[in-house]
N, C-alpha and C. Protein backbone atom coordinates (compact mmCIF):
# COMPACT_ATOMS: atom_id res chain seq x y z
N UNK A 1 23.96 -6.78 5.01
CA UNK A 1 24.70 -7.65 4.34
C UNK A 1 26.33 -7.32 4.42
N UNK A 2 26.73 -6.07 4.57
CA UNK A 2 28.34 -5.62 4.75
C UNK A 2 28.56 -6.15 6.19
N UNK A 3 27.66 -6.10 7.22
CA UNK A 3 27.74 -6.91 8.41
C UNK A 3 28.25 -8.31 8.49
N UNK A 4 27.33 -8.94 7.70
CA UNK A 4 27.66 -10.29 7.59
C UNK A 4 28.65 -10.84 6.47
N UNK A 5 29.15 -9.80 5.73
CA UNK A 5 30.28 -10.21 4.84
C UNK A 5 31.69 -10.21 5.58
N UNK A 6 31.70 -9.68 6.93
CA UNK A 6 32.90 -9.87 7.87
C UNK A 6 33.16 -11.16 8.24
N UNK A 7 32.17 -12.17 8.22
CA UNK A 7 32.29 -13.53 8.66
C UNK A 7 32.79 -14.35 7.50
N UNK A 8 33.81 -15.07 7.89
CA UNK A 8 34.34 -15.83 6.74
C UNK A 8 33.53 -17.08 6.45
N UNK A 9 32.71 -17.63 7.40
CA UNK A 9 32.03 -18.56 7.08
C UNK A 9 30.96 -18.31 5.97
N UNK A 10 30.33 -16.99 6.26
CA UNK A 10 29.07 -16.11 5.27
C UNK A 10 29.85 -15.81 3.76
N UNK A 11 31.07 -15.47 3.66
CA UNK A 11 31.75 -15.18 2.44
C UNK A 11 31.94 -16.30 1.82
N UNK A 12 32.31 -17.67 2.43
CA UNK A 12 32.59 -18.81 1.84
C UNK A 12 31.11 -19.48 1.05
N UNK A 13 30.09 -19.22 1.50
CA UNK A 13 28.77 -19.72 0.90
C UNK A 13 28.17 -18.53 0.12
N UNK A 14 29.00 -18.14 -0.79
CA UNK A 14 28.32 -16.93 -1.72
C UNK A 14 27.02 -17.47 -2.20
N UNK A 15 26.90 -18.54 -2.71
CA UNK A 15 25.71 -18.99 -3.50
C UNK A 15 24.35 -18.84 -2.60
N UNK A 16 24.53 -18.61 -1.31
CA UNK A 16 23.25 -18.44 -0.42
C UNK A 16 23.03 -17.13 -0.24
N UNK A 17 23.72 -16.17 -0.89
CA UNK A 17 23.51 -14.61 -0.45
C UNK A 17 21.91 -14.23 -0.76
N UNK A 18 21.77 -14.54 -1.90
CA UNK A 18 20.47 -14.02 -2.82
C UNK A 18 19.26 -14.76 -1.94
N UNK A 19 19.45 -16.18 -1.70
CA UNK A 19 18.08 -16.85 -0.82
C UNK A 19 17.99 -16.23 0.30
N UNK A 20 19.11 -15.91 1.03
CA UNK A 20 19.33 -15.36 2.40
C UNK A 20 18.57 -13.97 2.32
N UNK A 21 19.12 -13.15 1.47
CA UNK A 21 18.17 -11.76 1.45
C UNK A 21 16.68 -11.76 1.24
N UNK A 22 16.37 -12.85 0.20
CA UNK A 22 14.92 -12.81 0.07
C UNK A 22 14.15 -13.44 1.20
N UNK A 23 14.94 -14.15 1.90
CA UNK A 23 14.31 -14.83 3.13
C UNK A 23 14.08 -13.60 4.20
N UNK A 24 15.06 -12.99 4.29
CA UNK A 24 15.10 -11.74 5.33
C UNK A 24 14.10 -10.56 4.95
N UNK A 25 13.81 -10.16 3.57
CA UNK A 25 13.15 -9.20 3.10
C UNK A 25 11.59 -9.94 3.31
N UNK A 26 11.44 -11.22 2.84
CA UNK A 26 10.03 -11.64 2.95
C UNK A 26 9.52 -11.80 4.38
N UNK A 27 10.44 -12.13 5.47
CA UNK A 27 10.01 -11.96 6.81
C UNK A 27 9.77 -10.44 7.32
N UNK A 28 10.53 -9.61 6.94
CA UNK A 28 10.35 -8.43 7.19
C UNK A 28 9.00 -7.65 6.65
N UNK A 29 8.51 -8.12 5.35
CA UNK A 29 7.39 -7.65 4.84
C UNK A 29 6.12 -8.41 5.56
N UNK A 30 6.44 -9.58 5.88
CA UNK A 30 5.40 -10.36 6.42
C UNK A 30 4.91 -9.86 7.87
N UNK A 31 5.94 -9.02 8.38
CA UNK A 31 5.48 -8.25 9.86
C UNK A 31 4.99 -7.10 9.56
N UNK A 32 5.73 -6.18 8.82
CA UNK A 32 5.47 -4.97 8.69
C UNK A 32 4.53 -4.47 7.80
N UNK A 33 3.92 -5.13 6.75
CA UNK A 33 2.76 -4.79 5.92
C UNK A 33 1.45 -4.81 6.72
N UNK A 34 1.17 -6.08 7.51
CA UNK A 34 -0.06 -6.01 8.29
C UNK A 34 0.09 -4.59 9.51
N UNK A 35 1.20 -4.52 10.00
CA UNK A 35 1.48 -3.39 10.88
C UNK A 35 1.25 -2.17 10.56
N UNK A 36 1.61 -1.90 9.20
CA UNK A 36 1.28 -0.55 8.71
C UNK A 36 -0.14 -0.49 8.22
N UNK A 37 -0.70 -1.64 7.72
CA UNK A 37 -2.23 -1.50 7.44
C UNK A 37 -3.11 -1.10 8.86
N UNK A 38 -2.64 -1.75 9.93
CA UNK A 38 -3.26 -1.47 11.21
C UNK A 38 -3.01 0.11 11.84
N UNK A 39 -1.91 0.56 11.33
CA UNK A 39 -1.53 1.86 12.05
C UNK A 39 -2.19 2.91 11.20
N UNK A 40 -2.10 2.68 9.85
CA UNK A 40 -2.46 3.86 8.87
C UNK A 40 -4.01 3.84 8.75
N UNK A 41 -4.92 4.78 8.49
CA UNK A 41 -6.46 4.69 8.29
C UNK A 41 -6.62 4.17 6.83
N UNK A 42 -7.48 3.05 6.47
CA UNK A 42 -7.51 2.76 5.22
C UNK A 42 -9.03 3.28 4.52
N UNK A 43 -9.59 3.90 5.35
CA UNK A 43 -10.94 4.56 4.96
C UNK A 43 -10.62 6.09 4.89
N UNK A 44 -10.78 6.49 3.49
CA UNK A 44 -10.52 7.94 2.98
C UNK A 44 -11.91 8.88 2.45
N UNK A 45 -12.08 9.82 2.56
CA UNK A 45 -13.36 10.57 2.00
C UNK A 45 -12.88 11.63 0.96
N UNK A 46 -13.78 11.88 0.13
CA UNK A 46 -13.69 12.69 -0.96
C UNK A 46 -14.96 13.50 -1.12
N UNK A 47 -14.70 14.83 -1.46
CA UNK A 47 -16.00 15.78 -1.62
C UNK A 47 -16.42 15.57 -3.12
N UNK A 48 -17.64 15.68 -3.18
CA UNK A 48 -18.26 15.35 -4.67
C UNK A 48 -17.70 16.45 -5.36
N UNK A 49 -17.62 17.88 -4.94
CA UNK A 49 -17.32 19.00 -5.60
C UNK A 49 -16.03 18.68 -6.22
N UNK A 50 -14.96 18.05 -5.64
CA UNK A 50 -13.79 17.60 -6.24
C UNK A 50 -13.80 16.60 -7.30
N UNK A 51 -14.73 15.66 -7.06
CA UNK A 51 -14.87 14.76 -8.16
C UNK A 51 -15.56 15.51 -9.49
N UNK A 52 -16.22 16.46 -9.14
CA UNK A 52 -16.96 17.17 -10.34
C UNK A 52 -15.83 18.11 -10.93
N UNK A 53 -14.93 18.44 -10.24
CA UNK A 53 -13.75 19.03 -10.99
C UNK A 53 -12.79 18.07 -11.78
N UNK A 54 -12.45 17.01 -10.95
CA UNK A 54 -11.50 16.16 -11.73
C UNK A 54 -12.00 15.06 -12.47
N UNK A 55 -13.24 14.57 -12.19
CA UNK A 55 -13.66 13.52 -12.90
C UNK A 55 -15.25 13.78 -13.40
N UNK A 56 -15.29 14.68 -14.27
CA UNK A 56 -16.62 15.10 -14.47
C UNK A 56 -17.58 13.82 -15.00
N UNK A 57 -17.15 12.86 -15.97
CA UNK A 57 -17.77 11.83 -16.22
C UNK A 57 -18.35 10.96 -15.26
N UNK A 58 -17.55 10.63 -14.36
CA UNK A 58 -17.76 9.86 -12.83
C UNK A 58 -18.93 10.73 -12.01
N UNK A 59 -18.78 12.02 -12.35
CA UNK A 59 -19.82 12.81 -11.39
C UNK A 59 -21.28 12.78 -11.95
N UNK A 60 -21.22 12.74 -13.34
CA UNK A 60 -22.56 12.73 -14.16
C UNK A 60 -22.99 11.38 -13.79
N UNK A 61 -22.15 10.23 -13.77
CA UNK A 61 -22.88 8.81 -13.37
C UNK A 61 -23.59 8.89 -12.02
N UNK A 62 -22.74 9.54 -11.16
CA UNK A 62 -23.44 9.55 -9.67
C UNK A 62 -24.49 10.07 -9.61
N UNK A 63 -24.55 11.49 -10.54
CA UNK A 63 -25.83 12.27 -10.42
C UNK A 63 -27.06 11.55 -11.14
N UNK A 64 -26.71 10.66 -12.09
CA UNK A 64 -27.67 10.01 -12.89
C UNK A 64 -28.35 8.73 -11.67
N UNK A 65 -27.46 8.34 -10.87
CA UNK A 65 -27.96 7.08 -10.19
C UNK A 65 -28.58 7.43 -9.12
N UNK A 66 -28.36 8.71 -8.52
CA UNK A 66 -28.71 9.25 -7.09
C UNK A 66 -29.69 10.28 -7.27
N UNK A 67 -30.64 10.37 -6.46
CA UNK A 67 -31.52 11.59 -6.38
C UNK A 67 -30.91 12.65 -5.64
N UNK A 68 -30.02 12.57 -4.77
CA UNK A 68 -29.75 13.54 -3.94
C UNK A 68 -28.09 13.25 -3.85
N UNK A 69 -27.16 13.98 -4.50
CA UNK A 69 -25.74 13.78 -4.52
C UNK A 69 -25.30 14.19 -3.01
N UNK A 70 -24.53 13.07 -2.59
CA UNK A 70 -24.21 13.39 -1.17
C UNK A 70 -22.96 14.42 -1.15
N UNK A 71 -22.67 15.15 -0.05
CA UNK A 71 -21.58 15.96 0.03
C UNK A 71 -20.23 15.20 -0.10
N UNK A 72 -20.12 13.93 0.67
CA UNK A 72 -18.79 13.44 0.81
C UNK A 72 -19.27 11.81 0.37
N UNK A 73 -18.09 11.44 -0.17
CA UNK A 73 -18.18 9.97 -0.56
C UNK A 73 -16.98 9.04 0.16
N UNK A 74 -17.11 8.13 0.63
CA UNK A 74 -16.13 7.50 1.24
C UNK A 74 -15.48 6.23 0.37
N UNK A 75 -14.13 5.97 0.59
CA UNK A 75 -13.77 4.83 -0.26
C UNK A 75 -12.47 4.19 0.56
N UNK A 76 -12.37 2.62 0.15
CA UNK A 76 -11.14 2.22 0.75
C UNK A 76 -9.93 2.48 0.21
N UNK A 77 -8.84 2.94 0.56
CA UNK A 77 -7.57 3.22 -0.09
C UNK A 77 -7.04 2.01 -0.47
N UNK A 78 -6.98 1.18 0.60
CA UNK A 78 -6.27 -0.29 -0.06
C UNK A 78 -4.83 -0.02 0.18
N UNK A 79 -4.03 -0.99 -0.23
CA UNK A 79 -2.66 -0.97 0.03
C UNK A 79 -2.02 -0.09 -1.26
């Protein structure tokens, strides 16, 4: 914005500053969010021993639903 403020025509149309910024940020996010999702892994793993320490109630639920507790569980980190 500081670079654009040097131009007289841009300073004259002050009412368009906010819509222009929203448009630029929207275009940037439209391109960069899918790129970031493609570059960084979305799948993560967690050991059940860690679940037992941090979430004992959830661990008990897993233990009740399965005969054999897996060593690792996988989940989608999402955005």
